[in-house]
Amino acid sequence: MRCDVLAIGTELLLGQIVDTNSAWIGEQLATAGIDSYEHRKVGDNLPRMVATLREMLDQADAVIVCGGLGPTPDDVTREAIAEVMGVPLERREDLIEWIGNLFGGRGREMPANNLRQADVPVGGDIIDNPIGTAPGLLCQVGEKVVYAVPGVPYEMQLMVEQTVLPDLLARSGEKSAIVSRSLKTWGTSESGLAEMIAHRVEAQTNPSIAFLARGIEGIVVRVTAKARTREEAEALIAPEEAALRHILGELVFGVDDETMEFVVLRSLEARGWTLGVAESLTGGLIGGRIANVAGASRTFRGTIGCYATEVKRTVLGVTAEHVVSAEAAKQMAVGAQRVLGADVGIAVTGVAGPDEQDDQPVGTVWFGLALPGIEPEAVSNRLPGDRERVRQFSTISLMNLIRQRLAVLPG
C-alpha cells in the first residue's frame, strides 16, 4: 500500500508557513507500515491542484490532501477532488445543520461562506471533524482513494488518527510497523559523527541508520526498523541503539522528542536541586527555553537578564573589571545562585557582535557554573556566525555544559 501526501496552500510555497503537517503525516504512515514515496505542495489554484492530484494518483494507491477545506473562495480542495472524480458537488443538508449548530453553540450566527464546507463530491463520504467546522473527505477514485483533511494541525491529526489510518490499514490487508528511535547528539560535526559510526551504518539494512542535521539543536542519529509488529521492530532497534550509545558516549544527550533543556531539568530534579540563570548576551533565550518545558517550575527559579554592565554590578554583585571574562562569568553564576535562591547558578557573557568588546573578538563567550560544594567554574568558547547564531549557540552550549557536569557528579 502506497499513500502519498499533497499539501495545499500558496502560503506554503511562499514560505509564510512551514509545512509541518506533511512531516507529521509521513511519520504516522511510516509507523503504520504504509509506504509513502512522495510529498508535494501546490498553491491554491484549481487547475494545478487537479493536475497534481491526477499525477499522484497515477503512482500511488492513496493520496492524503491536506488543506484547502476552509470557507473562503480560495479553498478549492473539494472542487479539485470532484473534478478528478468526474462528478459535481452536492450541498448536504445534514452538514449545513451540523455546521450551523457548531456556530450556535458558540453564540454566533453561521456566515454564508461556511455553507461551502457542506459541499461534498457526489459519491464521496465525509470524515467527521469533532473539533472544527471543516468536514474531511474520503473519496473513491476508481480503485484509488483520496482523503482530504484540514490544514489546522490539531484537526488534521485527530482525523488522520481516527479515520484515515484505520481505513488505509483495512485497505492494505497487511499490517506492519516501522519504528524509529532518534538519538540526539551535541558536540561534534556531522562528518565527525559519521566517521565514528561508519562501520555500523555500512553493516545495517534492517534497522537502518540515517543522519539528520538540526543546526543549533545538534545532529540526530535515527535508527529505523520494520517488522510485523511494533514490539518486534523495537526489539530490532534495541541492540543497535546500545551499540551506538557505547560508541558516541556523552555526545548523546537525549532521545526522540527530548530537548537539551528537558534533560537538564530532569537531571537537576533527580538531585533535588533548583536552577537560577544569569544572561548577558543571550538576553533571556536560556530562560525562555527552560520555561517552555512542562513542569519547569519544580526546578527553575528564574533568569536575570543582566545585559547592561550596571545591572551585572548592582544586581549580581559583579566586581570583575571586564564583564566579558572568566571572573565575571563566575561572579554572575554565583550571583544567580544568591539572588534567585537557587542550588545551581549558570551564567553567560560574551561578545555577540558586530563590534569587538574589551579587545575580545566577536564570538568570544564565557560560561559560568556554580554548583553546590564546588568552586565556581568558567569555561570559554569561540562561537561562529553572526549575532543571532552566536546568541543561539551560546544558549544550547551552556545547557550542554551543565548537562555534562551533572552527568559526572557523584550521587
Foldseek 3Di string as FASTA:
>chain_A
DEEEEEEEAPCCVVVVDPPPVRVVVCVVCQQFVHHYDDYYYDYLDQVVLLVVVVVVVVPGQEYEYEALQDLDPSSCPQVSVLVLLVFDKDQDPVLVVVLQVVQVVVVHGDDPSLSSLRIHGVQWDWQDQPPDSHTWIWHDRPSGIYTYFYNPRVSRVVSCVPPVSVVVCVVVVATKGKDKKKFFFDDDDPVVLCVLCVVVQVPDDAFHWDWDQDQLQGIIIMTMGMGRDPVVSVVSVVVVVVVSCVRCPLRGQDMDPDGLLNSLLVLCVVVPWAEFEEEALLQCPLVVVNVVDPPSVSHYLYYHHQNDPVCLCPQQNQDDPFCQDWSNQQSNQVSRCVNSVTQKGKYKDDALDPDDDPPHHHQWMKMWIDHPPDRIGIDIDRDDDHSVSSSSSVSSVRSSVSSVVSVPDDD
